[in-house]
Amino acid sequence: MNWKWLLTAGEPRPRYVLLVAIGVVLMMSLTYPIWSPGGRGMAAFVAVAAVILSHLSAKFLMRR
């Protein structure tokens, strides 16, 4: 697997940023019942997970 491709931002950048932003907002809103009662620590964990999953989703969508 090409790790450099996976770990760098996608090109063109405006489309990548839009896909990541939409993914993070969508995932944070869907998981609100989980992280809301968990406090700040759980919210931070879910935010990091949402960014990672959105990055991977955007990369694979832009690959096609």
Protein backbone atom coordinates (compact mmCIF):
# COMPACT_ATOMS: atom_id res chain seq x y z
CA MET A 1 0.00 0.00 0.00
CA ASN A 2 1.19 3.50 -0.81
CA TRP A 3 1.37 5.10 2.66
CA LYS A 4 2.47 8.50 1.33
CA TRP A 5 -0.69 8.73 -0.79
CA LEU A 6 -2.84 7.74 2.17
CA LEU A 7 -1.30 10.15 4.69
CA THR A 8 -1.19 13.32 2.56
CA ALA A 9 -4.04 15.66 1.76
CA GLY A 10 -5.98 15.03 -1.42
CA GLU A 11 -5.75 16.98 -4.64
CA PRO A 12 -7.51 19.20 -5.63
CA ARG A 13 -7.55 20.60 -2.10
CA PRO A 14 -10.89 22.51 -2.15
CA ARG A 15 -12.80 19.32 -2.96
CA TYR A 16 -10.85 17.37 -0.33
CA VAL A 17 -11.52 19.99 2.35
CA LEU A 18 -15.22 20.04 1.48
CA LEU A 19 -15.51 16.26 1.66
CA VAL A 20 -13.67 16.09 5.00
CA ALA A 21 -15.74 18.92 6.49
CA ILE A 22 -19.03 17.34 5.42
CA GLY A 23 -17.88 13.97 6.75
CA VAL A 24 -16.88 15.36 10.15
CA VAL A 25 -20.13 17.29 10.59
CA LEU A 26 -22.17 14.27 9.53
CA MET A 27 -20.33 11.84 11.80
CA MET A 28 -20.37 14.18 14.80
CA SER A 29 -24.10 14.76 14.41
CA LEU A 30 -24.85 11.05 14.01
CA THR A 31 -22.83 10.11 17.09
CA TYR A 32 -24.15 12.92 19.32
CA PRO A 33 -26.10 10.55 21.59
CA ILE A 34 -22.88 8.62 22.25
CA TRP A 35 -20.41 11.42 23.01
CA SER A 36 -22.76 13.95 24.58
CA PRO A 37 -23.17 12.14 27.92
CA GLY A 38 -19.50 11.11 27.84
CA GLY A 39 -18.15 14.62 28.41
CA ARG A 40 -15.16 16.40 26.91
CA GLY A 41 -12.89 13.39 26.73
CA MET A 42 -15.37 11.30 24.78
CA ALA A 43 -16.15 14.26 22.49
CA ALA A 44 -12.44 14.71 21.75
CA PHE A 45 -12.02 11.01 20.99
CA VAL A 46 -15.02 10.96 18.66
CA ALA A 47 -13.81 14.15 16.93
CA VAL A 48 -10.41 12.61 16.22
CA ALA A 49 -12.03 9.41 14.96
CA ALA A 50 -14.40 11.45 12.76
CA VAL A 51 -11.50 13.36 11.19
CA ILE A 52 -9.58 10.16 10.48
CA LEU A 53 -12.59 8.41 8.96
CA SER A 54 -13.51 11.48 6.92
CA HIS A 55 -9.95 11.76 5.61
CA LEU A 56 -9.95 8.12 4.53
CA SER A 57 -13.41 8.42 2.97
CA ALA A 58 -12.43 11.55 1.05
CA LYS A 59 -9.23 9.96 -0.21
CA PHE A 60 -11.01 6.86 -1.48
CA LEU A 61 -13.84 8.89 -3.03
CA MET A 62 -11.37 11.12 -4.85
CA ARG A 63 -9.41 8.10 -6.04
CA ARG A 64 -12.29 7.02 -8.30
